[in-house]
Every structure is written in C-alpha cells, then in structure tokens.
PDB file of N, CA and C in Angstrom:
ATOM      1  N   MET A   1      -0.106  12.725 -26.067  1.00  0.00           N
ATOM      2  CA  MET A   1       0.195  11.313 -25.753  1.00  0.00           C
ATOM      3  C   MET A   1       1.664  11.205 -25.979  1.00  0.00           C
ATOM      4  N   SER A   2       2.323  10.471 -25.089  1.00  0.00           N
ATOM      5  CA  SER A   2       3.745  10.255 -25.150  1.00  0.00           C
ATOM      6  C   SER A   2       4.118   9.308 -26.303  1.00  0.00           C
ATOM      7  N   LYS A   3       5.384   9.378 -26.786  1.00  0.00           N
ATOM      8  CA  LYS A   3       5.818   8.534 -27.862  1.00  0.00           C
ATOM      9  C   LYS A   3       5.736   7.073 -27.503  1.00  0.00           C
ATOM     10  N   LEU A   4       6.071   6.713 -26.273  1.00  0.00           N
ATOM     11  CA  LEU A   4       6.017   5.326 -25.822  1.00  0.00           C
ATOM     12  C   LEU A   4       4.553   4.790 -25.836  1.00  0.00           C
ATOM     13  N   ARG A   5       3.636   5.589 -25.389  1.00  0.00           N
ATOM     14  CA  ARG A   5       2.244   5.197 -25.423  1.00  0.00           C
ATOM     15  C   ARG A   5       1.776   5.040 -26.818  1.00  0.00           C
ATOM     16  N   GLU A   6       2.142   5.981 -27.700  1.00  0.00           N
ATOM     17  CA  GLU A   6       1.772   5.927 -29.121  1.00  0.00           C
ATOM     18  C   GLU A   6       2.323   4.569 -29.739  1.00  0.00           C
ATOM     19  N   GLN A   7       3.525   4.242 -29.412  1.00  0.00           N
ATOM     20  CA  GLN A   7       4.186   3.039 -29.954  1.00  0.00           C
ATOM     21  C   GLN A   7       3.363   1.817 -29.404  1.00  0.00           C
ATOM     22  N   LEU A   8       3.017   1.817 -28.111  1.00  0.00           N
ATOM     23  CA  LEU A   8       2.324   0.684 -27.523  1.00  0.00           C
ATOM     24  C   LEU A   8       0.919   0.545 -28.228  1.00  0.00           C
ATOM     25  N   VAL A   9       0.150   1.644 -28.355  1.00  0.00           N
ATOM     26  CA  VAL A   9      -1.128   1.567 -28.937  1.00  0.00           C
ATOM     27  C   VAL A   9      -1.035   1.071 -30.372  1.00  0.00           C
ATOM     28  N   ARG A  10      -0.017   1.596 -31.209  1.00  0.00           N
ATOM     29  CA  ARG A  10       0.105   1.067 -32.593  1.00  0.00           C
ATOM     30  C   ARG A  10       0.334  -0.451 -32.573  1.00  0.00           C
ATOM     31  N   LYS A  11       1.268  -0.912 -31.712  1.00  0.00           N
ATOM     32  CA  LYS A  11       1.577  -2.302 -31.714  1.00  0.00           C
ATOM     33  C   LYS A  11       0.300  -3.168 -31.344  1.00  0.00           C
ATOM     34  N   LEU A  12      -0.440  -2.695 -30.342  1.00  0.00           N
ATOM     35  CA  LEU A  12      -1.636  -3.395 -29.945  1.00  0.00           C
ATOM     36  C   LEU A  12      -2.708  -3.425 -30.890  1.00  0.00           C
ATOM     37  N   GLN A  13      -2.828  -2.220 -31.661  1.00  0.00           N
ATOM     38  CA  GLN A  13      -3.831  -2.227 -32.778  1.00  0.00           C
ATOM     39  C   GLN A  13      -3.516  -3.232 -33.804  1.00  0.00           C
ATOM     40  N   ARG A  14      -2.304  -3.450 -34.098  1.00  0.00           N
ATOM     41  CA  ARG A  14      -1.936  -4.422 -35.140  1.00  0.00           C
ATOM     42  C   ARG A  14      -2.350  -5.849 -34.642  1.00  0.00           C
ATOM     43  N   MET A  15      -2.507  -6.009 -33.418  1.00  0.00           N
ATOM     44  CA  MET A  15      -2.917  -7.341 -32.843  1.00  0.00           C
ATOM     45  C   MET A  15      -4.456  -7.403 -32.677  1.00  0.00           C
ATOM     46  N   GLY A  16      -5.183  -6.339 -33.143  1.00  0.00           N
ATOM     47  CA  GLY A  16      -6.668  -6.386 -33.108  1.00  0.00           C
ATOM     48  C   GLY A  16      -7.238  -5.737 -31.888  1.00  0.00           C
ATOM     49  N   VAL A  17      -6.418  -5.015 -31.052  1.00  0.00           N
ATOM     50  CA  VAL A  17      -6.862  -4.340 -29.899  1.00  0.00           C
ATOM     51  C   VAL A  17      -7.380  -2.999 -30.290  1.00  0.00           C
ATOM     52  N   GLU A  18      -8.513  -2.588 -29.732  1.00  0.00           N
ATOM     53  CA  GLU A  18      -9.088  -1.296 -29.991  1.00  0.00           C
ATOM     54  C   GLU A  18      -8.948  -0.433 -28.717  1.00  0.00           C
ATOM     55  N   GLU A  19      -8.518   0.892 -28.921  1.00  0.00           N
ATOM     56  CA  GLU A  19      -8.494   1.793 -27.836  1.00  0.00           C
ATOM     57  C   GLU A  19      -9.786   2.626 -27.879  1.00  0.00           C
ATOM     58  N   ARG A  20     -10.385   2.825 -26.653  1.00  0.00           N
ATOM     59  CA  ARG A  20     -11.613   3.502 -26.606  1.00  0.00           C
ATOM     60  C   ARG A  20     -11.428   4.747 -25.617  1.00  0.00           C
ATOM     61  N   THR A  21     -11.624   5.920 -26.139  1.00  0.00           N
ATOM     62  CA  THR A  21     -11.550   7.088 -25.296  1.00  0.00           C
ATOM     63  C   THR A  21     -12.910   7.288 -24.728  1.00  0.00           C
ATOM     64  N   TRP A  22     -12.985   7.909 -23.527  1.00  0.00           N
ATOM     65  CA  TRP A  22     -14.144   8.152 -22.795  1.00  0.00           C
ATOM     66  C   TRP A  22     -14.611   9.650 -22.858  1.00  0.00           C
ATOM     67  N   PRO A  23     -15.780   9.875 -23.238  1.00  0.00           N
ATOM     68  CA  PRO A  23     -16.286  11.301 -23.286  1.00  0.00           C
ATOM     69  C   PRO A  23     -16.058  12.036 -22.024  1.00  0.00           C
ATOM     70  N   GLY A  24     -15.623  13.265 -22.116  1.00  0.00           N
ATOM     71  CA  GLY A  24     -15.448  14.042 -20.896  1.00  0.00           C
ATOM     72  C   GLY A  24     -14.127  13.802 -20.153  1.00  0.00           C
ATOM     73  N   ARG A  25     -13.305  12.931 -20.613  1.00  0.00           N
ATOM     74  CA  ARG A  25     -12.005  12.630 -19.870  1.00  0.00           C
ATOM     75  C   ARG A  25     -10.875  13.182 -20.736  1.00  0.00           C
ATOM     76  N   ASP A  26     -10.062  14.036 -20.039  1.00  0.00           N
ATOM     77  CA  ASP A  26      -8.937  14.660 -20.749  1.00  0.00           C
ATOM     78  C   ASP A  26      -7.648  14.294 -19.943  1.00  0.00           C
ATOM     79  N   ASP A  27      -7.726  13.224 -19.095  1.00  0.00           N
ATOM     80  CA  ASP A  27      -6.580  12.944 -18.196  1.00  0.00           C
ATOM     81  C   ASP A  27      -5.724  11.807 -18.656  1.00  0.00           C
ATOM     82  N   GLY A  28      -5.879  11.373 -19.964  1.00  0.00           N
ATOM     83  CA  GLY A  28      -5.138  10.268 -20.487  1.00  0.00           C
ATOM     84  C   GLY A  28      -5.765   8.950 -20.305  1.00  0.00           C
ATOM     85  N   PHE A  29      -6.982   8.938 -19.694  1.00  0.00           N
ATOM     86  CA  PHE A  29      -7.647   7.608 -19.469  1.00  0.00           C
ATOM     87  C   PHE A  29      -8.249   7.181 -20.791  1.00  0.00           C
ATOM     88  N   SER A  30      -8.099   5.866 -21.100  1.00  0.00           N
ATOM     89  CA  SER A  30      -8.749   5.218 -22.218  1.00  0.00           C
ATOM     90  C   SER A  30      -8.718   3.773 -21.964  1.00  0.00           C
ATOM     91  N   SER A  31      -9.682   3.023 -22.517  1.00  0.00           N
ATOM     92  CA  SER A  31      -9.717   1.565 -22.317  1.00  0.00           C
ATOM     93  C   SER A  31      -9.276   0.795 -23.510  1.00  0.00           C
ATOM     94  N   LEU A  32      -8.926  -0.465 -23.301  1.00  0.00           N
ATOM     95  CA  LEU A  32      -8.469  -1.289 -24.355  1.00  0.00           C
ATOM     96  C   LEU A  32      -9.400  -2.502 -24.401  1.00  0.00           C
ATOM     97  N   GLU A  33      -9.813  -2.932 -25.671  1.00  0.00           N
ATOM     98  CA  GLU A  33     -10.742  -3.979 -25.857  1.00  0.00           C
ATOM     99  C   GLU A  33     -10.203  -4.949 -26.957  1.00  0.00           C
ATOM    100  N   PHE A  34     -10.521  -6.170 -26.789  1.00  0.00           N
ATOM    101  CA  PHE A  34     -10.327  -7.182 -27.776  1.00  0.00           C
ATOM    102  C   PHE A  34     -11.556  -8.012 -27.965  1.00  0.00           C
ATOM    103  N   ALA A  35     -12.005  -8.184 -29.168  1.00  0.00           N
ATOM    104  CA  ALA A  35     -13.243  -8.938 -29.473  1.00  0.00           C
ATOM    105  C   ALA A  35     -14.351  -8.480 -28.507  1.00  0.00           C
ATOM    106  N   GLY A  36     -14.454  -7.196 -28.281  1.00  0.00           N
ATOM    107  CA  GLY A  36     -15.586  -6.597 -27.524  1.00  0.00           C
ATOM    108  C   GLY A  36     -15.408  -6.829 -26.046  1.00  0.00           C
ATOM    109  N   LYS A  37     -14.281  -7.234 -25.541  1.00  0.00           N
ATOM    110  CA  LYS A  37     -13.996  -7.521 -24.143  1.00  0.00           C
ATOM    111  C   LYS A  37     -13.016  -6.455 -23.619  1.00  0.00           C
ATOM    112  N   ASP A  38     -13.415  -5.729 -22.665  1.00  0.00           N
ATOM    113  CA  ASP A  38     -12.556  -4.706 -21.988  1.00  0.00           C
ATOM    114  C   ASP A  38     -11.558  -5.434 -21.106  1.00  0.00           C
ATOM    115  N   PHE A  39     -10.282  -5.233 -21.353  1.00  0.00           N
ATOM    116  CA  PHE A  39      -9.295  -5.963 -20.472  1.00  0.00           C
ATOM    117  C   PHE A  39      -8.238  -5.068 -19.906  1.00  0.00           C
ATOM    118  N   ALA A  40      -8.209  -3.759 -20.254  1.00  0.00           N
ATOM    119  CA  ALA A  40      -7.117  -2.849 -19.710  1.00  0.00           C
ATOM    120  C   ALA A  40      -7.560  -1.422 -19.873  1.00  0.00           C
ATOM    121  N   HIS A  41      -6.946  -0.499 -19.196  1.00  0.00           N
ATOM    122  CA  HIS A  41      -7.110   0.824 -19.391  1.00  0.00           C
ATOM    123  C   HIS A  41      -5.834   1.647 -18.974  1.00  0.00           C
ATOM    124  N   PHE A  42      -5.678   2.708 -19.590  1.00  0.00           N
ATOM    125  CA  PHE A  42      -4.535   3.617 -19.294  1.00  0.00           C
ATOM    126  C   PHE A  42      -4.999   4.520 -18.180  1.00  0.00           C
ATOM    127  N   HIS A  43      -4.167   4.692 -17.184  1.00  0.00           N
ATOM    128  CA  HIS A  43      -4.396   5.720 -16.117  1.00  0.00           C
ATOM    129  C   HIS A  43      -3.858   7.044 -16.647  1.00  0.00           C
ATOM    130  N   ASN A  44      -2.736   6.932 -17.377  1.00  0.00           N
ATOM    131  CA  ASN A  44      -2.070   8.121 -17.977  1.00  0.00           C
ATOM    132  C   ASN A  44      -1.089   7.620 -19.059  1.00  0.00           C
ATOM    133  N   ASP A  45      -0.165   8.430 -19.513  1.00  0.00           N
ATOM    134  CA  ASP A  45       0.617   8.067 -20.627  1.00  0.00           C
ATOM    135  C   ASP A  45       1.718   6.989 -20.288  1.00  0.00           C
ATOM    136  N   GLY A  46       1.900   6.686 -19.023  1.00  0.00           N
ATOM    137  CA  GLY A  46       2.984   5.715 -18.707  1.00  0.00           C
ATOM    138  C   GLY A  46       2.452   4.618 -17.768  1.00  0.00           C
ATOM    139  N   GLU A  47       1.146   4.449 -17.640  1.00  0.00           N
ATOM    140  CA  GLU A  47       0.665   3.379 -16.691  1.00  0.00           C
ATOM    141  C   GLU A  47      -0.584   2.752 -17.329  1.00  0.00           C
ATOM    142  N   LEU A  48      -0.497   1.411 -17.376  1.00  0.00           N
ATOM    143  CA  LEU A  48      -1.617   0.620 -17.923  1.00  0.00           C
ATOM    144  C   LEU A  48      -2.092  -0.274 -16.714  1.00  0.00           C
ATOM    145  N   ASP A  49      -3.398  -0.336 -16.523  1.00  0.00           N
ATOM    146  CA  ASP A  49      -4.041  -1.209 -15.556  1.00  0.00           C
ATOM    147  C   ASP A  49      -4.580  -2.321 -16.363  1.00  0.00           C
ATOM    148  N   ILE A  50      -4.141  -3.595 -16.170  1.00  0.00           N
ATOM    149  CA  ILE A  50      -4.487  -4.676 -17.012  1.00  0.00           C
ATOM    150  C   ILE A  50      -4.988  -5.833 -16.224  1.00  0.00           C
ATOM    151  N   ARG A  51      -6.078  -6.443 -16.714  1.00  0.00           N
ATOM    152  CA  ARG A  51      -6.651  -7.685 -16.113  1.00  0.00           C
ATOM    153  C   ARG A  51      -5.951  -8.936 -16.588  1.00  0.00           C
ATOM    154  N   LEU A  52      -5.020  -9.404 -15.788  1.00  0.00           N
ATOM    155  CA  LEU A  52      -4.285 -10.581 -16.247  1.00  0.00           C
ATOM    156  C   LEU A  52      -4.724 -11.825 -15.542  1.00  0.00           C
ATOM    157  N   GLY A  53      -5.343 -11.626 -14.366  1.00  0.00           N
ATOM    158  CA  GLY A  53      -5.724 -12.795 -13.523  1.00  0.00           C
ATOM    159  C   GLY A  53      -4.614 -13.108 -12.590  1.00  0.00           C
ATOM    160  N   ARG A  54      -5.023 -13.700 -11.415  1.00  0.00           N
ATOM    161  CA  ARG A  54      -4.055 -13.854 -10.347  1.00  0.00           C
ATOM    162  C   ARG A  54      -2.922 -14.825 -10.739  1.00  0.00           C
ATOM    163  N   ASN A  55      -3.282 -15.911 -11.417  1.00  0.00           N
ATOM    164  CA  ASN A  55      -2.259 -16.859 -11.773  1.00  0.00           C
ATOM    165  C   ASN A  55      -1.237 -16.300 -12.701  1.00  0.00           C
ATOM    166  N   LEU A  56      -1.632 -15.522 -13.611  1.00  0.00           N
ATOM    167  CA  LEU A  56      -0.605 -14.976 -14.552  1.00  0.00           C
ATOM    168  C   LEU A  56       0.178 -13.919 -13.850  1.00  0.00           C
ATOM    169  N   ILE A  57      -0.400 -13.040 -13.037  1.00  0.00           N
ATOM    170  CA  ILE A  57       0.322 -12.084 -12.300  1.00  0.00           C
ATOM    171  C   ILE A  57       1.419 -12.744 -11.450  1.00  0.00           C
ATOM    172  N   LYS A  58       1.065 -13.845 -10.803  1.00  0.00           N
ATOM    173  CA  LYS A  58       1.964 -14.550  -9.970  1.00  0.00           C
ATOM    174  C   LYS A  58       3.078 -15.206 -10.868  1.00  0.00           C
ATOM    175  N   ARG A  59       2.682 -15.854 -11.869  1.00  0.00           N
ATOM    176  CA  ARG A  59       3.603 -16.545 -12.749  1.00  0.00           C
ATOM    177  C   ARG A  59       4.647 -15.567 -13.320  1.00  0.00           C
ATOM    178  N   GLU A  60       4.238 -14.408 -13.714  1.00  0.00           N
ATOM    179  CA  GLU A  60       5.137 -13.385 -14.293  1.00  0.00           C
ATOM    180  C   GLU A  60       5.881 -12.649 -13.246  1.00  0.00           C
ATOM    181  N   GLY A  61       5.595 -12.892 -11.963  1.00  0.00           N
ATOM    182  CA  GLY A  61       6.338 -12.204 -10.910  1.00  0.00           C
ATOM    183  C   GLY A  61       6.011 -10.706 -10.829  1.00  0.00           C
ATOM    184  N   LEU A  62       4.813 -10.272 -11.209  1.00  0.00           N
ATOM    185  CA  LEU A  62       4.425  -8.873 -11.164  1.00  0.00           C
ATOM    186  C   LEU A  62       3.938  -8.543  -9.726  1.00  0.00           C
ATOM    187  N   VAL A  63       4.235  -7.242  -9.428  1.00  0.00           N
ATOM    188  CA  VAL A  63       3.884  -6.716  -8.128  1.00  0.00           C
ATOM    189  C   VAL A  63       3.260  -5.377  -8.297  1.00  0.00           C
ATOM    190  N   HIS A  64       2.108  -5.199  -7.566  1.00  0.00           N
ATOM    191  CA  HIS A  64       1.436  -3.942  -7.697  1.00  0.00           C
ATOM    192  C   HIS A  64       2.344  -2.813  -7.109  1.00  0.00           C
ATOM    193  N   PRO A  65       2.396  -1.653  -7.799  1.00  0.00           N
ATOM    194  CA  PRO A  65       3.223  -0.505  -7.345  1.00  0.00           C
ATOM    195  C   PRO A  65       2.866  -0.073  -5.908  1.00  0.00           C
ATOM    196  N   PRO A  66       3.889  -0.067  -5.034  1.00  0.00           N
ATOM    197  CA  PRO A  66       3.496   0.361  -3.680  1.00  0.00           C
ATOM    198  C   PRO A  66       3.122   1.862  -3.564  1.00  0.00           C
ATOM    199  N   ASP A  67       3.456   2.636  -4.551  1.00  0.00           N
ATOM    200  CA  ASP A  67       3.080   4.081  -4.575  1.00  0.00           C
ATOM    201  C   ASP A  67       1.963   4.402  -5.511  1.00  0.00           C
ATOM    202  N   SER A  68       1.044   3.456  -5.781  1.00  0.00           N
ATOM    203  CA  SER A  68      -0.070   3.646  -6.625  1.00  0.00           C
ATOM    204  C   SER A  68      -0.898   4.778  -6.140  1.00  0.00           C
ATOM    205  N   LYS A  69      -1.238   5.647  -7.082  1.00  0.00           N
ATOM    206  CA  LYS A  69      -2.101   6.795  -6.686  1.00  0.00           C
ATOM    207  C   LYS A  69      -3.606   6.498  -7.089  1.00  0.00           C
ATOM    208  N   VAL A  70      -3.804   5.595  -8.057  1.00  0.00           N
ATOM    209  CA  VAL A  70      -5.149   5.306  -8.522  1.00  0.00           C
ATOM    210  C   VAL A  70      -5.774   4.209  -7.729  1.00  0.00           C
ATOM    211  N   HIS A  71      -4.970   3.114  -7.455  1.00  0.00           N
ATOM    212  CA  HIS A  71      -5.572   2.036  -6.676  1.00  0.00           C
ATOM    213  C   HIS A  71      -4.607   1.742  -5.472  1.00  0.00           C
ATOM    214  N   PRO A  72      -4.457   2.579  -4.550  1.00  0.00           N
ATOM    215  CA  PRO A  72      -3.474   2.338  -3.511  1.00  0.00           C
ATOM    216  C   PRO A  72      -3.849   1.183  -2.527  1.00  0.00           C
ATOM    217  N   GLY A  73      -5.081   0.822  -2.448  1.00  0.00           N
ATOM    218  CA  GLY A  73      -5.538  -0.249  -1.564  1.00  0.00           C
ATOM    219  C   GLY A  73      -5.864  -1.514  -2.304  1.00  0.00           C
ATOM    220  N   ARG A  74      -5.409  -1.722  -3.450  1.00  0.00           N
ATOM    221  CA  ARG A  74      -5.753  -2.934  -4.223  1.00  0.00           C
ATOM    222  C   ARG A  74      -5.305  -4.180  -3.525  1.00  0.00           C
ATOM    223  N   SER A  75      -6.178  -5.123  -3.544  1.00  0.00           N
ATOM    224  CA  SER A  75      -5.820  -6.430  -2.894  1.00  0.00           C
ATOM    225  C   SER A  75      -4.741  -7.192  -3.642  1.00  0.00           C
ATOM    226  N   GLN A  76      -3.907  -7.950  -2.975  1.00  0.00           N
ATOM    227  CA  GLN A  76      -2.927  -8.731  -3.585  1.00  0.00           C
ATOM    228  C   GLN A  76      -3.565  -9.826  -4.437  1.00  0.00           C
ATOM    229  N   ASN A  77      -4.805 -10.135  -4.166  1.00  0.00           N
ATOM    230  CA  ASN A  77      -5.530 -11.219  -4.849  1.00  0.00           C
ATOM    231  C   ASN A  77      -6.360 -10.640  -6.065  1.00  0.00           C
ATOM    232  N   SER A  78      -6.105  -9.368  -6.395  1.00  0.00           N
ATOM    233  CA  SER A  78      -6.813  -8.758  -7.541  1.00  0.00           C
ATOM    234  C   SER A  78      -6.521  -9.453  -8.833  1.00  0.00           C
ATOM    235  N   GLN A  79      -7.461  -9.503  -9.772  1.00  0.00           N
ATOM    236  CA  GLN A  79      -7.268  -9.912 -11.117  1.00  0.00           C
ATOM    237  C   GLN A  79      -6.473  -8.805 -11.965  1.00  0.00           C
ATOM    238  N   TRP A  80      -6.440  -7.654 -11.452  1.00  0.00           N
ATOM    239  CA  TRP A  80      -5.928  -6.472 -12.128  1.00  0.00           C
ATOM    240  C   TRP A  80      -4.520  -6.157 -11.573  1.00  0.00           C
ATOM    241  N   ILE A  81      -3.700  -5.574 -12.428  1.00  0.00           N
ATOM    242  CA  ILE A  81      -2.366  -5.031 -11.978  1.00  0.00           C
ATOM    243  C   ILE A  81      -1.939  -3.779 -12.729  1.00  0.00           C
ATOM    244  N   GLU A  82      -1.403  -2.824 -12.088  1.00  0.00           N
ATOM    245  CA  GLU A  82      -0.870  -1.670 -12.752  1.00  0.00           C
ATOM    246  C   GLU A  82       0.463  -1.933 -13.136  1.00  0.00           C
ATOM    247  N   ILE A  83       0.731  -1.582 -14.442  1.00  0.00           N
ATOM    248  CA  ILE A  83       2.108  -1.751 -15.038  1.00  0.00           C
ATOM    249  C   ILE A  83       2.500  -0.445 -15.561  1.00  0.00           C
ATOM    250  N   ARG A  84       3.693   0.072 -15.140  1.00  0.00           N
ATOM    251  CA  ARG A  84       4.194   1.311 -15.617  1.00  0.00           C
ATOM    252  C   ARG A  84       5.261   0.902 -16.759  1.00  0.00           C
ATOM    253  N   PHE A  85       5.263   1.839 -17.703  1.00  0.00           N
ATOM    254  CA  PHE A  85       6.294   1.656 -18.820  1.00  0.00           C
ATOM    255  C   PHE A  85       7.008   3.026 -19.070  1.00  0.00           C
ATOM    256  N   THR A  86       8.255   2.953 -19.056  1.00  0.00           N
ATOM    257  CA  THR A  86       9.074   4.118 -19.307  1.00  0.00           C
ATOM    258  C   THR A  86      10.169   3.957 -20.286  1.00  0.00           C
ATOM    259  N   THR A  87      10.201   2.741 -20.815  1.00  0.00           N
ATOM    260  CA  THR A  87      11.276   2.349 -21.815  1.00  0.00           C
ATOM    261  C   THR A  87      10.635   1.531 -22.935  1.00  0.00           C
ATOM    262  N   PRO A  88      11.348   1.407 -24.097  1.00  0.00           N
ATOM    263  CA  PRO A  88      10.816   0.532 -25.181  1.00  0.00           C
ATOM    264  C   PRO A  88      10.764  -0.943 -24.677  1.00  0.00           C
ATOM    265  N   GLN A  89      11.637  -1.363 -23.781  1.00  0.00           N
ATOM    266  CA  GLN A  89      11.531  -2.688 -23.190  1.00  0.00           C
ATOM    267  C   GLN A  89      10.216  -2.841 -22.415  1.00  0.00           C
ATOM    268  N   GLY A  90       9.950  -1.751 -21.725  1.00  0.00           N
ATOM    269  CA  GLY A  90       8.646  -1.911 -20.962  1.00  0.00           C
ATOM    270  C   GLY A  90       7.413  -2.010 -21.857  1.00  0.00           C
ATOM    271  N   VAL A  91       7.443  -1.366 -23.004  1.00  0.00           N
ATOM    272  CA  VAL A  91       6.391  -1.445 -23.975  1.00  0.00           C
ATOM    273  C   VAL A  91       6.325  -2.940 -24.555  1.00  0.00           C
ATOM    274  N   GLU A  92       7.496  -3.423 -24.775  1.00  0.00           N
ATOM    275  CA  GLU A  92       7.481  -4.818 -25.272  1.00  0.00           C
ATOM    276  C   GLU A  92       6.930  -5.821 -24.294  1.00  0.00           C
ATOM    277  N   LYS A  93       7.243  -5.602 -22.959  1.00  0.00           N
ATOM    278  CA  LYS A  93       6.738  -6.498 -21.897  1.00  0.00           C
ATOM    279  C   LYS A  93       5.241  -6.393 -21.946  1.00  0.00           C
ATOM    280  N   ILE A  94       4.653  -5.237 -22.077  1.00  0.00           N
ATOM    281  CA  ILE A  94       3.194  -5.187 -22.089  1.00  0.00           C
ATOM    282  C   ILE A  94       2.638  -5.831 -23.264  1.00  0.00           C
ATOM    283  N   VAL A  95       3.253  -5.632 -24.447  1.00  0.00           N
ATOM    284  CA  VAL A  95       2.800  -6.343 -25.693  1.00  0.00           C
ATOM    285  C   VAL A  95       2.763  -7.882 -25.432  1.00  0.00           C
ATOM    286  N   ASP A  96       3.851  -8.361 -24.777  1.00  0.00           N
ATOM    287  CA  ASP A  96       3.875  -9.817 -24.519  1.00  0.00           C
ATOM    288  C   ASP A  96       2.722 -10.183 -23.578  1.00  0.00           C
ATOM    289  N   LEU A  97       2.396  -9.422 -22.578  1.00  0.00           N
ATOM    290  CA  LEU A  97       1.367  -9.715 -21.610  1.00  0.00           C
ATOM    291  C   LEU A  97       0.017  -9.653 -22.345  1.00  0.00           C
ATOM    292  N   VAL A  98      -0.150  -8.710 -23.233  1.00  0.00           N
ATOM    293  CA  VAL A  98      -1.464  -8.564 -23.951  1.00  0.00           C
ATOM    294  C   VAL A  98      -1.646  -9.754 -24.909  1.00  0.00           C
ATOM    295  N   ARG A  99      -0.585 -10.322 -25.402  1.00  0.00           N
ATOM    296  CA  ARG A  99      -0.709 -11.456 -26.208  1.00  0.00           C
ATOM    297  C   ARG A  99      -1.283 -12.622 -25.441  1.00  0.00           C
ATOM    298  N   LEU A 100      -0.887 -12.719 -24.180  1.00  0.00           N
ATOM    299  CA  LEU A 100      -1.369 -13.814 -23.352  1.00  0.00           C
ATOM    300  C   LEU A 100      -2.888 -13.522 -23.047  1.00  0.00           C
ATOM    301  N   VAL A 101      -3.288 -12.302 -22.791  1.00  0.00           N
ATOM    302  CA  VAL A 101      -4.668 -11.988 -22.494  1.00  0.00           C
ATOM    303  C   VAL A 101      -5.498 -12.184 -23.781  1.00  0.00           C
ATOM    304  N   ILE A 102      -5.042 -11.859 -24.886  1.00  0.00           N
ATOM    305  CA  ILE A 102      -5.747 -12.120 -26.178  1.00  0.00           C
ATOM    306  C   ILE A 102      -5.965 -13.583 -26.355  1.00  0.00           C
ATOM    307  N   ALA A 103      -4.973 -14.414 -26.083  1.00  0.00           N
ATOM    308  CA  ALA A 103      -5.096 -15.834 -26.219  1.00  0.00           C
ATOM    309  C   ALA A 103      -6.262 -16.403 -25.317  1.00  0.00           C
ATOM    310  N   GLU A 104      -6.297 -15.882 -24.091  1.00  0.00           N
ATOM    311  CA  GLU A 104      -7.342 -16.348 -23.209  1.00  0.00           C
ATOM    312  C   GLU A 104      -8.726 -15.878 -23.697  1.00  0.00           C
ATOM    313  N   ILE A 105      -8.807 -14.607 -24.110  1.00  0.00           N
ATOM    314  CA  ILE A 105     -10.102 -14.164 -24.640  1.00  0.00           C
ATOM    315  C   ILE A 105     -10.575 -14.960 -25.875  1.00  0.00           C
ATOM    316  N   ALA A 106      -9.606 -15.206 -26.780  1.00  0.00           N
ATOM    317  CA  ALA A 106      -9.941 -15.946 -27.977  1.00  0.00           C
ATOM    318  C   ALA A 106     -10.315 -17.397 -27.729  1.00  0.00           C
ATOM    319  N   ALA A 107      -9.852 -17.940 -26.650  1.00  0.00           N
ATOM    320  CA  ALA A 107     -10.102 -19.338 -26.310  1.00  0.00           C
ATOM    321  C   ALA A 107     -11.516 -19.523 -25.601  1.00  0.00           C
ATOM    322  N   ARG A 108     -12.100 -18.451 -25.183  1.00  0.00           N
ATOM    323  CA  ARG A 108     -13.441 -18.509 -24.573  1.00  0.00           C
ATOM    324  C   ARG A 108     -14.529 -18.793 -25.539  1.00  0.00           C
TER     325      ARG A 108
END
C-alpha cells in the first residue's frame, strides 16, 4: 500500500470509516463503509471510486477521467466518480468529499 493511501485510510478511519478487503483480491481493491453503508472503493493505491451523487459531482466540478481503465464507459449522469490522488493535497480533497458523504449518510 502506498504512503498516500495509508494516510488517506488513517484519516478516514478517524472519521468512522471502515475499510473492507475482499477475499481473493490482491490488486489493491477494497471498499469503504460508514454506518454499514458502502460508499466507495479503491481500484488501486492511487484511485478511489466514490458515490457522491450527480449534484455533488457537478457542484464540485469533478470530471470522470477520460483515460479510465476500470469504468471507461461510465455515464456522465452516474452517481459515482473516480478520483485519483497523487499528492497530499489530493488526499485532503478526498477527505473533504468523504465528510460530505458521511453527512448525507448520517442524515438518513
């Protein structure tokens, strides 16, 4: 696991997020849950696929990576978006987005 991913996972765990590894997977895939709700998963050590909802994706100005290998044909109307992180600032951006997701889950 990369140092940035480790940092991200630690920060999210402090917020009550649980990381779940999947049996038989050794490709870096794991899912993230809050209050028993699955809301994101790692494709690898530098990419998180997160369910933000169309409105939040649009409000935050997020764009699906055009060179996506995992979801190349994903609809622009998808609730999910792939976010890559290669810097500490990218990790912080994801933490901020996860805070928004957690607030929505907690409000349900």
